[in-house]
Amino acid sequence: MAISAPDAHAVVGRSGIPAELEAFFAMAERWGLSTDEQILLLGSPGRSTFFKWKKEGGNLPADTQERLSYIFGIWKSLRILFTVDERGEEWVRKKNTYFDGASALDVMLEGKVTSLYKVKRFLDAQRGG
């Protein structure tokens, strides 16, 4: 679930970092994302900033909050479309004709917010939303 921008840091997870970052890092682990892939999905913050976020949280720019909103929407759609979580996680890396033979993850890793939107829009259409 994405947290709206004004409340983005109001919810703190068990680790002491904002719940949205805690959720992102858990999702990234499930998807098997490398550090570089995670950094790209978050909008290419500096490596030191990324590792600070991972360790202790911090203020997220509006661009990163928007990206997280799309990523969580993608995650949610996969949970709705695939009754077995592993199938959704496999789908993210599977080549797709809609994306001209690229995987959804390939598209998301283009580094643009519009690429995240494209994947979310496709999944929303698949679930009739």
Protein backbone atom coordinates (compact mmCIF):
# COMPACT_ATOMS: atom_id res chain seq x y z
CA MET A 1 0.00 0.00 0.00
CA ALA A 2 1.39 3.37 -0.95
CA ILE A 3 1.40 6.13 1.62
CA SER A 4 0.33 9.53 0.40
CA ALA A 5 3.02 12.20 0.25
CA PRO A 6 1.93 14.27 3.29
CA ASP A 7 1.92 11.15 5.49
CA ALA A 8 4.91 9.49 3.88
CA HIS A 9 7.00 9.49 7.04
CA ALA A 10 4.20 9.23 9.58
CA VAL A 11 4.32 5.43 9.66
CA VAL A 12 7.55 3.90 10.91
CA GLY A 13 8.20 0.18 10.51
CA ARG A 14 9.64 -2.20 13.05
CA SER A 15 13.20 -1.48 11.92
CA GLY A 16 12.77 2.24 12.63
CA ILE A 17 12.78 3.21 8.96
CA PRO A 18 9.63 4.51 7.25
CA ALA A 19 7.21 1.69 6.44
CA GLU A 20 7.29 2.53 2.72
CA LEU A 21 11.04 1.92 2.56
CA GLU A 22 10.77 -1.20 4.70
CA ALA A 23 8.12 -2.51 2.28
CA PHE A 24 10.22 -1.61 -0.76
CA PHE A 25 13.29 -3.42 0.54
CA ALA A 26 11.22 -6.51 1.39
CA MET A 27 9.69 -6.47 -2.11
CA ALA A 28 13.13 -5.98 -3.69
CA GLU A 29 14.37 -9.06 -1.84
CA ARG A 30 11.39 -11.11 -3.08
CA TRP A 31 12.07 -9.95 -6.64
CA GLY A 32 15.78 -10.69 -6.28
CA LEU A 33 16.79 -7.15 -7.21
CA SER A 34 20.43 -6.15 -7.12
CA THR A 35 21.51 -3.00 -5.31
CA ASP A 36 21.91 -1.20 -8.65
CA GLU A 37 18.40 -2.23 -9.72
CA GLN A 38 16.95 -0.99 -6.44
CA ILE A 39 18.77 2.32 -6.80
CA LEU A 40 17.45 2.75 -10.34
CA LEU A 41 13.86 1.99 -9.31
CA LEU A 42 14.12 4.57 -6.52
CA GLY A 43 15.19 7.27 -8.97
CA SER A 44 18.97 6.93 -8.83
CA PRO A 45 19.79 8.51 -5.49
CA GLY A 46 23.47 8.54 -4.62
CA ARG A 47 24.77 5.23 -3.29
CA SER A 48 25.46 6.75 0.13
CA THR A 49 21.88 8.08 0.27
CA PHE A 50 20.50 4.69 -0.76
CA PHE A 51 22.45 2.88 1.97
CA LYS A 52 21.40 5.51 4.52
CA TRP A 53 17.76 4.94 3.54
CA LYS A 54 18.28 1.21 3.87
CA LYS A 55 19.90 1.49 7.29
CA GLU A 56 18.04 4.33 8.97
CA GLY A 57 15.50 5.83 6.59
CA GLY A 58 15.37 9.51 5.75
CA ASN A 59 13.42 12.07 3.79
CA LEU A 60 12.36 10.91 0.36
CA PRO A 61 12.09 13.32 -2.57
CA ALA A 62 8.69 13.63 -4.26
CA ASP A 63 10.04 11.75 -7.29
CA THR A 64 10.97 8.75 -5.14
CA GLN A 65 7.60 8.83 -3.40
CA GLU A 66 5.87 8.80 -6.79
CA ARG A 67 8.03 5.88 -7.93
CA LEU A 68 7.22 3.94 -4.77
CA SER A 69 3.52 4.53 -5.34
CA TYR A 70 3.74 2.95 -8.81
CA ILE A 71 5.94 0.10 -7.57
CA PHE A 72 3.50 -0.73 -4.77
CA GLY A 73 0.64 -0.59 -7.27
CA ILE A 74 2.51 -3.10 -9.44
CA TRP A 75 3.15 -5.30 -6.41
CA LYS A 76 -0.53 -5.16 -5.41
CA SER A 77 -1.72 -5.98 -8.93
CA LEU A 78 0.60 -9.00 -9.07
CA ARG A 79 -0.84 -10.22 -5.76
CA ILE A 80 -4.36 -9.93 -7.19
CA LEU A 81 -3.59 -11.50 -10.57
CA PHE A 82 -1.47 -14.40 -9.32
CA THR A 83 -2.79 -16.51 -6.48
CA VAL A 84 0.69 -17.96 -5.96
CA ASP A 85 3.17 -15.19 -5.07
CA GLU A 86 6.08 -16.92 -6.79
CA ARG A 87 4.25 -16.82 -10.14
CA GLY A 88 3.89 -13.06 -9.90
CA GLU A 89 7.56 -12.74 -9.03
CA GLU A 90 8.46 -14.91 -12.03
CA TRP A 91 6.19 -12.85 -14.30
CA VAL A 92 8.17 -9.69 -13.50
CA ARG A 93 11.24 -11.23 -15.18
CA LYS A 94 9.44 -13.11 -17.95
CA LYS A 95 9.63 -11.76 -21.52
CA ASN A 96 6.33 -10.19 -22.59
CA THR A 97 5.03 -9.47 -26.09
CA TYR A 98 3.20 -6.37 -24.80
CA PHE A 99 6.57 -4.90 -23.89
CA ASP A 100 8.09 -5.87 -27.27
CA GLY A 101 9.79 -8.93 -25.84
CA ALA A 102 11.18 -7.19 -22.76
CA SER A 103 10.17 -8.21 -19.26
CA ALA A 104 8.19 -5.93 -16.96
CA LEU A 105 11.36 -5.51 -14.90
CA ASP A 106 13.31 -4.51 -18.02
CA VAL A 107 10.72 -1.80 -18.64
CA MET A 108 10.74 -0.63 -15.01
CA LEU A 109 14.54 -0.44 -15.10
CA GLU A 110 14.48 2.06 -17.97
CA GLY A 111 14.73 4.55 -15.13
CA LYS A 112 11.73 6.72 -16.00
CA VAL A 113 8.59 7.22 -13.93
CA THR A 114 6.60 6.75 -17.15
CA SER A 115 8.08 3.26 -17.48
CA LEU A 116 6.74 2.33 -14.04
CA TYR A 117 3.39 3.79 -15.05
CA LYS A 118 3.40 1.71 -18.25
CA VAL A 119 3.80 -1.55 -16.30
CA LYS A 120 1.18 -0.54 -13.73
CA ARG A 121 -1.28 0.45 -16.47
CA PHE A 122 -0.79 -2.92 -18.20
CA LEU A 123 -1.43 -4.83 -14.97
CA ASP A 124 -4.46 -2.69 -14.13
CA ALA A 125 -5.90 -3.51 -17.55
CA GLN A 126 -5.27 -7.22 -16.97
CA ARG A 127 -7.24 -7.15 -13.76
CA GLY A 128 -10.03 -5.06 -15.29
CA GLY A 129 -9.24 -1.86 -13.41
